[in-house]
């Protein structure tokens, strides 16, 4: 599954949501569905969000068009 998290990452609630998702929920998802991918898309990700990137998590920062990410996502 392709999971998409979209938001302006320099807005504290969005960055904290991405951090909590990766630290508290994503490990359980990967344990059950090891081929899952999480895409964190949004401008100005602070260092603590950029540091979430790993084999199963991609942090993009600003993208020209988020529509392509929505089309590929199985869950938003």
N, C-alpha and C. Protein backbone atom coordinates (compact mmCIF):
# COMPACT_ATOMS: atom_id res chain seq x y z
N UNK A 1 0.82 -1.22 0.00
CA UNK A 1 0.00 0.00 0.00
C UNK A 1 0.85 1.27 0.00
N UNK A 2 0.35 2.26 -0.68
CA UNK A 2 0.97 3.58 -0.74
C UNK A 2 0.13 4.49 0.16
N UNK A 3 0.77 5.06 1.19
CA UNK A 3 0.08 5.92 2.14
C UNK A 3 0.61 7.34 1.95
N UNK A 4 -0.29 8.30 1.93
CA UNK A 4 0.08 9.70 1.70
C UNK A 4 -0.32 10.55 2.89
N UNK A 5 0.63 11.35 3.35
CA UNK A 5 0.37 12.35 4.39
C UNK A 5 0.75 13.69 3.77
N UNK A 6 -0.22 14.58 3.64
CA UNK A 6 0.00 15.87 2.98
C UNK A 6 -0.29 17.00 3.95
N UNK A 7 0.57 17.99 3.96
CA UNK A 7 0.32 19.19 4.76
C UNK A 7 1.53 20.10 4.73
N UNK A 8 1.31 21.34 5.04
CA UNK A 8 2.41 22.28 5.17
C UNK A 8 3.21 21.88 6.41
N UNK A 9 4.43 21.45 6.21
CA UNK A 9 5.18 20.87 7.30
C UNK A 9 5.75 21.88 8.28
N UNK A 10 5.76 23.17 7.93
CA UNK A 10 6.19 24.15 8.92
C UNK A 10 5.03 24.62 9.81
N UNK A 11 3.88 24.00 9.66
CA UNK A 11 2.74 24.21 10.56
C UNK A 11 2.83 23.11 11.61
N UNK A 12 3.03 23.49 12.87
CA UNK A 12 3.35 22.56 13.95
C UNK A 12 2.42 21.35 14.03
N UNK A 13 1.09 21.52 13.98
CA UNK A 13 0.22 20.33 14.06
C UNK A 13 0.49 19.33 12.94
N UNK A 14 0.81 19.80 11.74
CA UNK A 14 1.10 18.88 10.64
C UNK A 14 2.41 18.14 10.87
N UNK A 15 3.45 18.86 11.25
CA UNK A 15 4.73 18.19 11.47
C UNK A 15 4.64 17.22 12.63
N UNK A 16 3.93 17.57 13.69
CA UNK A 16 3.77 16.66 14.82
C UNK A 16 2.96 15.43 14.43
N UNK A 17 1.95 15.62 13.58
CA UNK A 17 1.16 14.49 13.09
C UNK A 17 2.02 13.52 12.30
N UNK A 18 2.89 14.06 11.44
CA UNK A 18 3.79 13.20 10.66
C UNK A 18 4.76 12.46 11.57
N UNK A 19 5.28 13.13 12.57
CA UNK A 19 6.21 12.51 13.51
C UNK A 19 5.52 11.40 14.30
N UNK A 20 4.34 11.67 14.82
CA UNK A 20 3.61 10.65 15.58
C UNK A 20 3.23 9.47 14.70
N UNK A 21 2.81 9.74 13.47
CA UNK A 21 2.49 8.65 12.55
C UNK A 21 3.71 7.75 12.36
N UNK A 22 4.86 8.34 12.13
CA UNK A 22 6.07 7.54 11.85
C UNK A 22 6.58 6.81 13.09
N UNK A 23 6.50 7.44 14.22
CA UNK A 23 7.06 6.83 15.42
C UNK A 23 6.12 5.86 16.11
N UNK A 24 4.82 6.15 16.11
CA UNK A 24 3.88 5.37 16.90
C UNK A 24 3.02 4.39 16.09
N UNK A 25 2.78 4.68 14.83
CA UNK A 25 1.86 3.87 14.03
C UNK A 25 2.57 3.13 12.91
N UNK A 26 3.46 3.81 12.22
CA UNK A 26 4.08 3.22 11.03
C UNK A 26 4.81 1.90 11.31
N UNK A 27 5.51 1.75 12.43
CA UNK A 27 6.16 0.45 12.68
C UNK A 27 5.17 -0.73 12.68
N UNK A 28 3.96 -0.52 13.18
CA UNK A 28 2.95 -1.58 13.16
C UNK A 28 2.46 -1.86 11.75
N UNK A 29 2.34 -0.82 10.94
CA UNK A 29 1.93 -1.01 9.55
C UNK A 29 2.99 -1.83 8.82
N UNK A 30 4.24 -1.46 8.97
CA UNK A 30 5.34 -2.16 8.29
C UNK A 30 5.44 -3.61 8.77
N UNK A 31 5.18 -3.83 10.05
CA UNK A 31 5.23 -5.20 10.57
C UNK A 31 4.20 -6.09 9.88
N UNK A 32 3.04 -5.52 9.59
CA UNK A 32 1.97 -6.30 8.96
C UNK A 32 2.04 -6.28 7.44
N UNK A 33 2.45 -5.14 6.88
CA UNK A 33 2.53 -4.95 5.43
C UNK A 33 3.91 -4.41 5.08
N UNK A 34 4.92 -5.26 5.04
CA UNK A 34 6.31 -4.81 4.91
C UNK A 34 6.64 -4.06 3.63
N UNK A 35 5.84 -4.19 2.61
CA UNK A 35 6.12 -3.48 1.35
C UNK A 35 5.43 -2.12 1.27
N UNK A 36 4.83 -1.67 2.36
CA UNK A 36 4.14 -0.38 2.38
C UNK A 36 5.13 0.77 2.22
N UNK A 37 4.62 1.87 1.66
CA UNK A 37 5.39 3.10 1.51
C UNK A 37 4.58 4.25 2.06
N UNK A 38 5.24 5.12 2.78
CA UNK A 38 4.63 6.35 3.30
C UNK A 38 5.30 7.52 2.62
N UNK A 39 4.49 8.39 2.05
CA UNK A 39 4.96 9.61 1.41
C UNK A 39 4.50 10.79 2.26
N UNK A 40 5.44 11.56 2.77
CA UNK A 40 5.14 12.79 3.51
C UNK A 40 5.43 13.93 2.56
N UNK A 41 4.37 14.61 2.14
CA UNK A 41 4.47 15.64 1.12
C UNK A 41 4.01 16.97 1.70
N UNK A 42 4.86 17.96 1.62
CA UNK A 42 4.50 19.29 2.08
C UNK A 42 5.71 20.18 2.20
N UNK A 43 5.49 21.45 2.02
CA UNK A 43 6.61 22.39 1.98
C UNK A 43 7.22 22.59 3.36
N UNK A 44 8.47 22.96 3.33
CA UNK A 44 9.24 23.36 4.51
C UNK A 44 9.26 22.34 5.65
N UNK A 45 9.58 21.09 5.37
CA UNK A 45 9.65 20.14 6.48
C UNK A 45 10.84 20.49 7.39
N UNK A 46 10.60 20.61 8.68
CA UNK A 46 11.71 20.89 9.60
C UNK A 46 12.62 19.67 9.70
N UNK A 47 13.80 19.84 10.28
CA UNK A 47 14.76 18.72 10.37
C UNK A 47 14.16 17.47 10.99
N UNK A 48 13.33 17.60 12.02
CA UNK A 48 12.78 16.41 12.67
C UNK A 48 11.83 15.65 11.76
N UNK A 49 11.23 16.32 10.77
CA UNK A 49 10.40 15.62 9.79
C UNK A 49 11.30 15.03 8.69
N UNK A 50 12.26 15.79 8.22
CA UNK A 50 13.18 15.25 7.20
C UNK A 50 13.90 14.01 7.71
N UNK A 51 14.19 13.98 9.01
CA UNK A 51 14.89 12.83 9.60
C UNK A 51 14.03 11.56 9.65
N UNK A 52 12.74 11.66 9.35
CA UNK A 52 11.86 10.49 9.33
C UNK A 52 12.10 9.62 8.10
N UNK A 53 12.75 10.17 7.09
CA UNK A 53 12.98 9.43 5.86
C UNK A 53 13.79 8.16 6.14
N UNK A 54 13.35 7.07 5.52
CA UNK A 54 14.01 5.77 5.67
C UNK A 54 13.58 4.91 4.48
N UNK A 55 13.84 3.63 4.55
CA UNK A 55 13.49 2.74 3.43
C UNK A 55 12.00 2.77 3.09
N UNK A 56 11.15 2.93 4.07
CA UNK A 56 9.71 2.87 3.82
C UNK A 56 9.04 4.24 3.87
N UNK A 57 9.80 5.29 4.17
CA UNK A 57 9.23 6.65 4.30
C UNK A 57 10.02 7.61 3.42
N UNK A 58 9.29 8.36 2.59
CA UNK A 58 9.89 9.39 1.76
C UNK A 58 9.32 10.73 2.19
N UNK A 59 10.20 11.69 2.43
CA UNK A 59 9.80 13.07 2.75
C UNK A 59 10.20 13.91 1.54
N UNK A 60 9.22 14.48 0.87
CA UNK A 60 9.50 15.17 -0.39
C UNK A 60 9.79 16.65 -0.24
N UNK A 61 9.22 17.29 0.76
CA UNK A 61 9.25 18.75 0.76
C UNK A 61 8.26 19.25 -0.29
N UNK A 62 8.53 20.41 -0.85
CA UNK A 62 7.64 21.01 -1.84
C UNK A 62 7.67 20.20 -3.13
N UNK A 63 6.50 19.99 -3.71
CA UNK A 63 6.38 19.32 -5.01
C UNK A 63 5.61 20.24 -5.95
N UNK A 64 5.87 20.15 -7.25
CA UNK A 64 5.17 21.03 -8.19
C UNK A 64 3.66 20.79 -8.24
N UNK A 65 3.27 19.50 -8.08
CA UNK A 65 1.84 19.17 -8.18
C UNK A 65 1.56 17.95 -7.31
N UNK A 66 0.77 18.13 -6.28
CA UNK A 66 0.48 17.04 -5.35
C UNK A 66 -0.52 16.04 -5.93
N UNK A 67 -1.16 16.40 -7.03
CA UNK A 67 -2.20 15.53 -7.62
C UNK A 67 -1.64 14.16 -7.96
N UNK A 68 -0.42 14.07 -8.45
CA UNK A 68 0.17 12.78 -8.80
C UNK A 68 0.30 11.89 -7.57
N UNK A 69 0.62 12.47 -6.43
CA UNK A 69 0.73 11.69 -5.20
C UNK A 69 -0.64 11.17 -4.76
N UNK A 70 -1.66 11.99 -4.92
CA UNK A 70 -3.02 11.55 -4.61
C UNK A 70 -3.44 10.39 -5.52
N UNK A 71 -3.09 10.47 -6.80
CA UNK A 71 -3.47 9.41 -7.74
C UNK A 71 -2.81 8.07 -7.37
N UNK A 72 -1.58 8.11 -6.89
CA UNK A 72 -0.86 6.87 -6.56
C UNK A 72 -1.23 6.32 -5.19
N UNK A 73 -1.82 7.13 -4.34
CA UNK A 73 -2.08 6.73 -2.96
C UNK A 73 -3.24 5.75 -2.85
N UNK A 74 -3.04 4.78 -1.96
CA UNK A 74 -4.13 3.87 -1.59
C UNK A 74 -4.87 4.39 -0.36
N UNK A 75 -4.18 5.20 0.41
CA UNK A 75 -4.74 5.74 1.66
C UNK A 75 -4.15 7.12 1.88
N UNK A 76 -5.01 8.07 2.24
CA UNK A 76 -4.57 9.45 2.48
C UNK A 76 -4.99 9.84 3.88
